[in-house]
Amino acid sequence: MSVTDEMHSALSCEIEKVRERMVRLSDQFGFMHPEVQKCSKQLDELLLRFYEIDKMMKRR
């Protein structure tokens, strides 16, 4: 497994954890709560990194 593959896999796991946390928090506090917004931003950033790595992997 290459470094890129490992990063892709690790990001995938992290994305799922953050997504699950965001869903739990939104159920508890509503979508506009600052913690939910923070998770949403973190999820966006992780997804952007994931897609960049995905793009690099497809170029190989």
C-alpha atoms as a PDB file:
ATOM      1  CA  MET A   1       0.000   0.000   0.000  1.00  0.00           C
ATOM      2  CA  SER A   2       1.440   3.380  -0.980  1.00  0.00           C
ATOM      3  CA  VAL A   3       1.488   6.503   1.161  1.00  0.00           C
ATOM      4  CA  THR A   4      -1.289   7.944  -0.998  1.00  0.00           C
ATOM      5  CA  ASP A   5      -3.418   4.830  -0.480  1.00  0.00           C
ATOM      6  CA  GLU A   6      -2.833   5.001   3.272  1.00  0.00           C
ATOM      7  CA  MET A   7      -3.734   8.699   3.351  1.00  0.00           C
ATOM      8  CA  HIS A   8      -6.873   8.007   1.298  1.00  0.00           C
ATOM      9  CA  SER A   9      -7.933   5.257   3.680  1.00  0.00           C
ATOM     10  CA  ALA A  10      -7.157   7.272   6.817  1.00  0.00           C
ATOM     11  CA  LEU A  11      -9.056  10.287   5.483  1.00  0.00           C
ATOM     12  CA  SER A  12     -12.014   8.085   4.637  1.00  0.00           C
ATOM     13  CA  CYS A  13     -12.173   6.883   8.258  1.00  0.00           C
ATOM     14  CA  GLU A  14     -11.772  10.412   9.613  1.00  0.00           C
ATOM     15  CA  ILE A  15     -14.512  11.696   7.293  1.00  0.00           C
ATOM     16  CA  GLU A  16     -16.905   9.065   8.581  1.00  0.00           C
ATOM     17  CA  LYS A  17     -16.123   9.898  12.237  1.00  0.00           C
ATOM     18  CA  VAL A  18     -16.642  13.630  11.709  1.00  0.00           C
ATOM     19  CA  ARG A  19     -19.833  13.019   9.720  1.00  0.00           C
ATOM     20  CA  GLU A  20     -21.258  10.815  12.472  1.00  0.00           C
ATOM     21  CA  ARG A  21     -20.347  13.420  15.113  1.00  0.00           C
ATOM     22  CA  MET A  22     -21.975  16.160  13.061  1.00  0.00           C
ATOM     23  CA  VAL A  23     -25.191  14.138  12.719  1.00  0.00           C
ATOM     24  CA  ARG A  24     -25.305  13.418  16.466  1.00  0.00           C
ATOM     25  CA  LEU A  25     -24.702  17.064  17.330  1.00  0.00           C
ATOM     26  CA  SER A  26     -27.289  18.306  14.839  1.00  0.00           C
ATOM     27  CA  ASP A  27     -29.872  15.909  16.285  1.00  0.00           C
ATOM     28  CA  GLN A  28     -29.071  17.227  19.740  1.00  0.00           C
ATOM     29  CA  PHE A  29     -28.619  20.967  19.085  1.00  0.00           C
ATOM     30  CA  GLY A  30     -29.920  21.729  15.594  1.00  0.00           C
ATOM     31  CA  PHE A  31     -28.058  22.559  12.409  1.00  0.00           C
ATOM     32  CA  MET A  32     -27.165  26.147  13.314  1.00  0.00           C
ATOM     33  CA  HIS A  33     -25.357  25.348  16.566  1.00  0.00           C
ATOM     34  CA  PRO A  34     -21.710  26.482  16.490  1.00  0.00           C
ATOM     35  CA  GLU A  35     -20.381  22.964  17.159  1.00  0.00           C
ATOM     36  CA  VAL A  36     -22.393  21.573  14.241  1.00  0.00           C
ATOM     37  CA  GLN A  37     -21.083  24.375  12.028  1.00  0.00           C
ATOM     38  CA  LYS A  38     -17.541  23.607  13.184  1.00  0.00           C
ATOM     39  CA  CYS A  39     -17.989  19.917  12.289  1.00  0.00           C
ATOM     40  CA  SER A  40     -19.439  20.881   8.931  1.00  0.00           C
ATOM     41  CA  LYS A  41     -16.410  23.028   8.140  1.00  0.00           C
ATOM     42  CA  GLN A  42     -14.047  20.290   9.274  1.00  0.00           C
ATOM     43  CA  LEU A  43     -15.919  17.786   7.112  1.00  0.00           C
ATOM     44  CA  ASP A  44     -15.676  20.101   4.091  1.00  0.00           C
ATOM     45  CA  GLU A  45     -11.925  20.422   4.574  1.00  0.00           C
ATOM     46  CA  LEU A  46     -11.467  16.664   4.928  1.00  0.00           C
ATOM     47  CA  LEU A  47     -13.540  16.028   1.810  1.00  0.00           C
ATOM     48  CA  LEU A  48     -11.473  18.492  -0.210  1.00  0.00           C
ATOM     49  CA  ARG A  49      -8.269  16.736   0.880  1.00  0.00           C
ATOM     50  CA  PHE A  50      -9.840  13.351   0.111  1.00  0.00           C
ATOM     51  CA  TYR A  51     -10.800  14.408  -3.422  1.00  0.00           C
ATOM     52  CA  GLU A  52      -7.333  15.854  -4.052  1.00  0.00           C
ATOM     53  CA  ILE A  53      -5.730  12.557  -3.067  1.00  0.00           C
ATOM     54  CA  ASP A  54      -8.328  10.674  -5.102  1.00  0.00           C
ATOM     55  CA  LYS A  55      -7.422  12.807  -8.123  1.00  0.00           C
ATOM     56  CA  MET A  56      -3.713  12.071  -7.614  1.00  0.00           C
ATOM     57  CA  MET A  57      -4.411   8.337  -7.365  1.00  0.00           C
ATOM     58  CA  LYS A  58      -6.329   8.329 -10.645  1.00  0.00           C
ATOM     59  CA  ARG A  59      -3.395   9.978 -12.442  1.00  0.00           C
ATOM     60  CA  ARG A  60      -1.125   7.041 -11.657  1.00  0.00           C
END
